All heavy atoms as atom14 arrays in JSON, in Angstrom:
{
  "sequence": "SLEIKNETKIFRQELRTFNYELENLVDEP",
  "atom14_mask": [
    [1, 1, 1, 1, 1, 1, 0, 0, 0, 0, 0, 0, 0, 0],
    [1, 1, 1, 1, 1, 1, 1, 1, 0, 0, 0, 0, 0, 0],
    [1, 1, 1, 1, 1, 1, 1, 1, 1, 0, 0, 0, 0, 0],
    [1, 1, 1, 1, 1, 1, 1, 1, 0, 0, 0, 0, 0, 0],
    [1, 1, 1, 1, 1, 1, 1, 1, 1, 0, 0, 0, 0, 0],
    [1, 1, 1, 1, 1, 1, 1, 1, 0, 0, 0, 0, 0, 0],
    [1, 1, 1, 1, 1, 1, 1, 1, 1, 0, 0, 0, 0, 0],
    [1, 1, 1, 1, 1, 1, 1, 0, 0, 0, 0, 0, 0, 0],
    [1, 1, 1, 1, 1, 1, 1, 1, 1, 0, 0, 0, 0, 0],
    [1, 1, 1, 1, 1, 1, 1, 1, 0, 0, 0, 0, 0, 0],
    [1, 1, 1, 1, 1, 1, 1, 1, 1, 1, 1, 0, 0, 0],
    [1, 1, 1, 1, 1, 1, 1, 1, 1, 1, 1, 0, 0, 0],
    [1, 1, 1, 1, 1, 1, 1, 1, 1, 0, 0, 0, 0, 0],
    [1, 1, 1, 1, 1, 1, 1, 1, 1, 0, 0, 0, 0, 0],
    [1, 1, 1, 1, 1, 1, 1, 1, 0, 0, 0, 0, 0, 0],
    [1, 1, 1, 1, 1, 1, 1, 1, 1, 1, 1, 0, 0, 0],
    [1, 1, 1, 1, 1, 1, 1, 0, 0, 0, 0, 0, 0, 0],
    [1, 1, 1, 1, 1, 1, 1, 1, 1, 1, 1, 0, 0, 0],
    [1, 1, 1, 1, 1, 1, 1, 1, 0, 0, 0, 0, 0, 0],
    [1, 1, 1, 1, 1, 1, 1, 1, 1, 1, 1, 1, 0, 0],
    [1, 1, 1, 1, 1, 1, 1, 1, 1, 0, 0, 0, 0, 0],
    [1, 1, 1, 1, 1, 1, 1, 1, 0, 0, 0, 0, 0, 0],
    [1, 1, 1, 1, 1, 1, 1, 1, 1, 0, 0, 0, 0, 0],
    [1, 1, 1, 1, 1, 1, 1, 1, 0, 0, 0, 0, 0, 0],
    [1, 1, 1, 1, 1, 1, 1, 1, 0, 0, 0, 0, 0, 0],
    [1, 1, 1, 1, 1, 1, 1, 0, 0, 0, 0, 0, 0, 0],
    [1, 1, 1, 1, 1, 1, 1, 1, 0, 0, 0, 0, 0, 0],
    [1, 1, 1, 1, 1, 1, 1, 1, 1, 0, 0, 0, 0, 0],
    [1, 1, 1, 1, 1, 1, 1, 0, 0, 0, 0, 0, 0, 0]
  ],
  "atom14_positions": [
    [[176.64, -34.98, 129.43], [177.7, -34.22, 130.0], [177.23, -32.81, 130.44], [177.69, -32.21, 131.43], [178.9, -34.01, 128.88], [179.43, -35.25, 128.53], [0.0, 0.0, 0.0], [0.0, 0.0, 0.0], [0.0, 0.0, 0.0], [0.0, 0.0, 0.0], [0.0, 0.0, 0.0], [0.0, 0.0, 0.0], [0.0, 0.0, 0.0], [0.0, 0.0, 0.0]],
    [[176.18, -32.35, 129.55], [175.76, -31.11, 129.98], [174.99, -31.14, 131.32], [175.06, -30.12, 132.12], [174.77, -30.46, 128.93], [174.22, -29.04, 129.07], [175.24, -28.03, 129.22], [173.23, -28.84, 127.99], [0.0, 0.0, 0.0], [0.0, 0.0, 0.0], [0.0, 0.0, 0.0], [0.0, 0.0, 0.0], [0.0, 0.0, 0.0], [0.0, 0.0, 0.0]],
    [[174.22, -32.23, 131.52], [173.46, -32.31, 132.78], [174.35, -32.46, 133.98], [173.85, -32.16, 135.2], [172.55, -33.61, 132.64], [171.38, -33.28, 131.64], [170.64, -34.71, 131.34], [171.19, -35.77, 131.56], [169.47, -34.5, 130.95], [0.0, 0.0, 0.0], [0.0, 0.0, 0.0], [0.0, 0.0, 0.0], [0.0, 0.0, 0.0], [0.0, 0.0, 0.0]],
    [[175.56, -32.89, 133.86], [176.39, -32.96, 135.01], [177.54, -31.97, 135.09], [178.61, -32.14, 135.67], [177.08, -34.49, 135.16], [177.91, -34.75, 133.89], [175.92, -35.53, 135.35], [178.74, -36.0, 134.06], [0.0, 0.0, 0.0], [0.0, 0.0, 0.0], [0.0, 0.0, 0.0], [0.0, 0.0, 0.0], [0.0, 0.0, 0.0], [0.0, 0.0, 0.0]],
    [[177.28, -30.92, 134.26], [178.32, -29.84, 134.15], [178.82, -29.19, 135.57], [179.97, -29.09, 135.78], [177.85, -28.72, 133.29], [178.92, -27.68, 133.04], [178.24, -26.66, 131.97], [179.36, -25.59, 131.66], [178.78, -24.56, 130.71], [0.0, 0.0, 0.0], [0.0, 0.0, 0.0], [0.0, 0.0, 0.0], [0.0, 0.0, 0.0], [0.0, 0.0, 0.0]],
    [[177.83, -28.88, 136.35], [178.16, -28.36, 137.63], [178.83, -29.4, 138.56], [179.84, -29.03, 139.31], [176.82, -27.76, 138.36], [176.36, -26.54, 137.65], [177.01, -25.87, 136.97], [175.03, -26.31, 137.76], [0.0, 0.0, 0.0], [0.0, 0.0, 0.0], [0.0, 0.0, 0.0], [0.0, 0.0, 0.0], [0.0, 0.0, 0.0], [0.0, 0.0, 0.0]],
    [[178.28, -30.63, 138.6], [179.0, -31.61, 139.34], [180.42, -31.83, 138.93], [181.27, -32.1, 139.76], [178.09, -32.87, 139.29], [176.86, -32.9, 140.04], [175.81, -32.38, 139.17], [175.99, -31.74, 138.09], [174.57, -32.55, 139.53], [0.0, 0.0, 0.0], [0.0, 0.0, 0.0], [0.0, 0.0, 0.0], [0.0, 0.0, 0.0], [0.0, 0.0, 0.0]],
    [[180.64, -31.87, 137.61], [182.01, -32.04, 137.09], [182.93, -30.92, 137.49], [184.11, -31.05, 137.87], [181.94, -32.06, 135.52], [181.07, -33.16, 135.1], [183.3, -32.23, 134.91], [0.0, 0.0, 0.0], [0.0, 0.0, 0.0], [0.0, 0.0, 0.0], [0.0, 0.0, 0.0], [0.0, 0.0, 0.0], [0.0, 0.0, 0.0], [0.0, 0.0, 0.0]],
    [[182.47, -29.63, 137.54], [183.27, -28.57, 137.97], [183.71, -28.71, 139.37], [184.9, -28.46, 139.81], [182.55, -27.22, 137.77], [182.46, -26.79, 136.29], [181.7, -25.46, 136.16], [181.62, -25.04, 134.72], [180.88, -23.75, 134.59], [0.0, 0.0, 0.0], [0.0, 0.0, 0.0], [0.0, 0.0, 0.0], [0.0, 0.0, 0.0], [0.0, 0.0, 0.0]],
    [[182.69, -29.09, 140.2], [183.06, -29.35, 141.73], [184.0, -30.51, 141.88], [184.99, -30.44, 142.59], [181.66, -29.62, 142.47], [180.81, -28.33, 142.43], [182.05, -30.09, 143.92], [179.46, -28.66, 142.92], [0.0, 0.0, 0.0], [0.0, 0.0, 0.0], [0.0, 0.0, 0.0], [0.0, 0.0, 0.0], [0.0, 0.0, 0.0], [0.0, 0.0, 0.0]],
    [[183.74, -31.5, 141.07], [184.55, -32.76, 141.07], [186.02, -32.39, 140.72], [187.04, -32.88, 141.45], [184.06, -33.81, 140.11], [184.86, -35.06, 140.0], [185.23, -35.78, 141.2], [185.22, -35.58, 138.79], [185.89, -36.97, 141.15], [185.9, -36.8, 138.77], [186.28, -37.43, 139.88], [0.0, 0.0, 0.0], [0.0, 0.0, 0.0], [0.0, 0.0, 0.0]],
    [[186.26, -31.62, 139.77], [187.59, -31.15, 139.25], [188.34, -30.38, 140.36], [189.55, -30.59, 140.6], [187.56, -30.34, 138.03], [188.9, -29.94, 137.49], [188.78, -29.26, 136.11], [190.18, -28.84, 135.76], [190.99, -29.69, 135.03], [190.69, -30.99, 134.88], [192.17, -29.28, 134.68], [0.0, 0.0, 0.0], [0.0, 0.0, 0.0], [0.0, 0.0, 0.0]],
    [[187.58, -29.51, 140.97], [188.17, -28.8, 142.2], [188.63, -29.82, 143.36], [189.68, -29.69, 143.87], [187.22, -27.75, 142.78], [187.09, -26.6, 141.82], [188.39, -25.88, 141.43], [189.22, -25.72, 142.31], [188.57, -25.49, 140.19], [0.0, 0.0, 0.0], [0.0, 0.0, 0.0], [0.0, 0.0, 0.0], [0.0, 0.0, 0.0], [0.0, 0.0, 0.0]],
    [[187.72, -30.78, 143.58], [188.06, -31.79, 144.68], [189.35, -32.7, 144.17], [190.12, -32.84, 145.13], [186.83, -32.68, 144.86], [185.67, -31.89, 145.53], [184.51, -32.8, 145.53], [184.35, -33.77, 144.85], [183.59, -32.52, 146.41], [0.0, 0.0, 0.0], [0.0, 0.0, 0.0], [0.0, 0.0, 0.0], [0.0, 0.0, 0.0], [0.0, 0.0, 0.0]],
    [[189.43, -32.94, 143.01], [190.54, -33.85, 142.45], [191.8, -33.11, 142.68], [192.8, -33.85, 142.93], [190.37, -34.15, 140.95], [189.27, -35.08, 140.6], [189.12, -35.17, 139.12], [189.71, -36.53, 141.1], [0.0, 0.0, 0.0], [0.0, 0.0, 0.0], [0.0, 0.0, 0.0], [0.0, 0.0, 0.0], [0.0, 0.0, 0.0], [0.0, 0.0, 0.0]],
    [[191.82, -31.8, 142.68], [193.14, -31.1, 143.07], [193.64, -31.33, 144.43], [194.83, -31.23, 144.76], [192.94, -29.55, 142.72], [192.62, -29.17, 141.35], [192.44, -27.79, 141.22], [191.97, -27.26, 139.92], [192.88, -27.12, 138.93], [194.2, -27.18, 139.16], [192.44, -26.75, 137.74], [0.0, 0.0, 0.0], [0.0, 0.0, 0.0], [0.0, 0.0, 0.0]],
    [[192.77, -31.75, 145.27], [193.22, -31.87, 146.79], [193.33, -33.46, 147.1], [193.68, -33.74, 148.24], [192.15, -31.37, 147.72], [190.92, -32.05, 147.55], [191.85, -30.03, 147.29], [0.0, 0.0, 0.0], [0.0, 0.0, 0.0], [0.0, 0.0, 0.0], [0.0, 0.0, 0.0], [0.0, 0.0, 0.0], [0.0, 0.0, 0.0], [0.0, 0.0, 0.0]],
    [[193.05, -34.36, 146.25], [193.03, -35.7, 146.57], [194.48, -36.28, 146.28], [195.03, -36.31, 145.17], [192.08, -36.6, 145.72], [190.69, -36.24, 146.03], [189.71, -36.42, 145.01], [190.29, -35.75, 147.18], [188.4, -36.27, 145.33], [188.94, -35.48, 147.51], [188.13, -35.75, 146.48], [0.0, 0.0, 0.0], [0.0, 0.0, 0.0], [0.0, 0.0, 0.0]],
    [[195.13, -36.79, 147.32], [196.42, -37.51, 147.16], [196.28, -38.9, 147.82], [195.38, -39.12, 148.58], [197.56, -36.83, 148.05], [197.86, -35.43, 147.44], [198.11, -35.31, 146.21], [198.02, -34.43, 148.17], [0.0, 0.0, 0.0], [0.0, 0.0, 0.0], [0.0, 0.0, 0.0], [0.0, 0.0, 0.0], [0.0, 0.0, 0.0], [0.0, 0.0, 0.0]],
    [[197.1, -39.82, 147.43], [197.08, -41.11, 148.05], [197.43, -40.94, 149.5], [198.32, -40.29, 149.96], [198.11, -42.06, 147.38], [197.73, -42.54, 145.98], [198.61, -42.21, 144.95], [196.61, -43.09, 145.62], [198.44, -42.56, 143.58], [196.26, -43.41, 144.41], [197.19, -43.26, 143.38], [196.93, -43.62, 142.07], [0.0, 0.0, 0.0], [0.0, 0.0, 0.0]],
    [[196.71, -41.68, 150.4], [196.89, -41.59, 151.85], [197.82, -42.77, 152.26], [197.46, -43.9, 152.15], [195.59, -41.77, 152.51], [194.57, -40.59, 152.3], [194.96, -39.2, 152.69], [195.7, -39.27, 153.76], [194.52, -38.23, 152.12], [0.0, 0.0, 0.0], [0.0, 0.0, 0.0], [0.0, 0.0, 0.0], [0.0, 0.0, 0.0], [0.0, 0.0, 0.0]],
    [[198.98, -42.36, 152.62], [199.94, -43.52, 153.05], [200.84, -42.89, 154.16], [201.13, -41.77, 154.19], [200.73, -44.0, 151.95], [201.77, -43.11, 151.23], [202.99, -44.01, 150.67], [201.27, -42.31, 150.17], [0.0, 0.0, 0.0], [0.0, 0.0, 0.0], [0.0, 0.0, 0.0], [0.0, 0.0, 0.0], [0.0, 0.0, 0.0], [0.0, 0.0, 0.0]],
    [[201.22, -43.78, 154.99], [202.3, -43.55, 156.05], [203.55, -44.17, 155.69], [203.6, -45.13, 154.99], [201.84, -44.07, 157.38], [200.49, -43.47, 157.97], [200.13, -44.06, 159.38], [200.92, -44.92, 159.87], [199.12, -43.79, 159.84], [0.0, 0.0, 0.0], [0.0, 0.0, 0.0], [0.0, 0.0, 0.0], [0.0, 0.0, 0.0], [0.0, 0.0, 0.0]],
    [[204.6, -43.48, 156.12], [205.98, -44.0, 155.86], [206.18, -45.32, 156.58], [206.08, -45.38, 157.8], [207.05, -42.98, 156.2], [208.49, -43.51, 155.81], [208.52, -43.86, 154.78], [209.33, -43.32, 156.7], [0.0, 0.0, 0.0], [0.0, 0.0, 0.0], [0.0, 0.0, 0.0], [0.0, 0.0, 0.0], [0.0, 0.0, 0.0], [0.0, 0.0, 0.0]],
    [[206.42, -46.39, 155.82], [206.69, -47.74, 156.49], [208.13, -48.17, 156.31], [208.53, -49.29, 156.51], [205.74, -48.7, 155.93], [204.23, -48.5, 156.04], [203.43, -49.59, 155.37], [203.87, -48.31, 157.5], [0.0, 0.0, 0.0], [0.0, 0.0, 0.0], [0.0, 0.0, 0.0], [0.0, 0.0, 0.0], [0.0, 0.0, 0.0], [0.0, 0.0, 0.0]],
    [[209.0, -47.27, 155.9], [210.41, -47.49, 155.75], [211.32, -46.82, 156.62], [211.24, -45.47, 156.67], [210.74, -47.24, 154.21], [212.27, -47.46, 153.94], [210.01, -48.15, 153.3], [0.0, 0.0, 0.0], [0.0, 0.0, 0.0], [0.0, 0.0, 0.0], [0.0, 0.0, 0.0], [0.0, 0.0, 0.0], [0.0, 0.0, 0.0], [0.0, 0.0, 0.0]],
    [[211.98, -47.44, 157.5], [212.87, -46.77, 158.43], [214.29, -46.47, 157.97], [215.0, -45.46, 158.34], [212.98, -47.53, 159.74], [211.71, -47.65, 160.32], [210.83, -46.76, 160.37], [211.38, -48.82, 161.0], [0.0, 0.0, 0.0], [0.0, 0.0, 0.0], [0.0, 0.0, 0.0], [0.0, 0.0, 0.0], [0.0, 0.0, 0.0], [0.0, 0.0, 0.0]],
    [[214.77, -47.3, 157.04], [216.13, -47.04, 156.49], [215.97, -47.36, 155.08], [215.14, -48.0, 154.44], [217.13, -48.04, 157.22], [216.72, -49.54, 157.11], [217.6, -50.38, 157.88], [218.12, -50.09, 158.89], [217.9, -51.57, 157.35], [0.0, 0.0, 0.0], [0.0, 0.0, 0.0], [0.0, 0.0, 0.0], [0.0, 0.0, 0.0], [0.0, 0.0, 0.0]],
    [[217.12, -46.79, 154.3], [217.08, -46.99, 152.73], [216.9, -48.57, 152.3], [217.72, -49.31, 152.71], [218.31, -46.46, 152.32], [218.74, -45.5, 153.46], [218.24, -46.05, 154.76], [0.0, 0.0, 0.0], [0.0, 0.0, 0.0], [0.0, 0.0, 0.0], [0.0, 0.0, 0.0], [0.0, 0.0, 0.0], [0.0, 0.0, 0.0], [0.0, 0.0, 0.0]]
  ]
}
């Protein structure tokens, strides 16, 4: 864990921006 400490910090910041990518496929309720 210590050896990937910097990569983990960067990864955590990236995770804050990751959302599922989807388009709306529903036209009516």
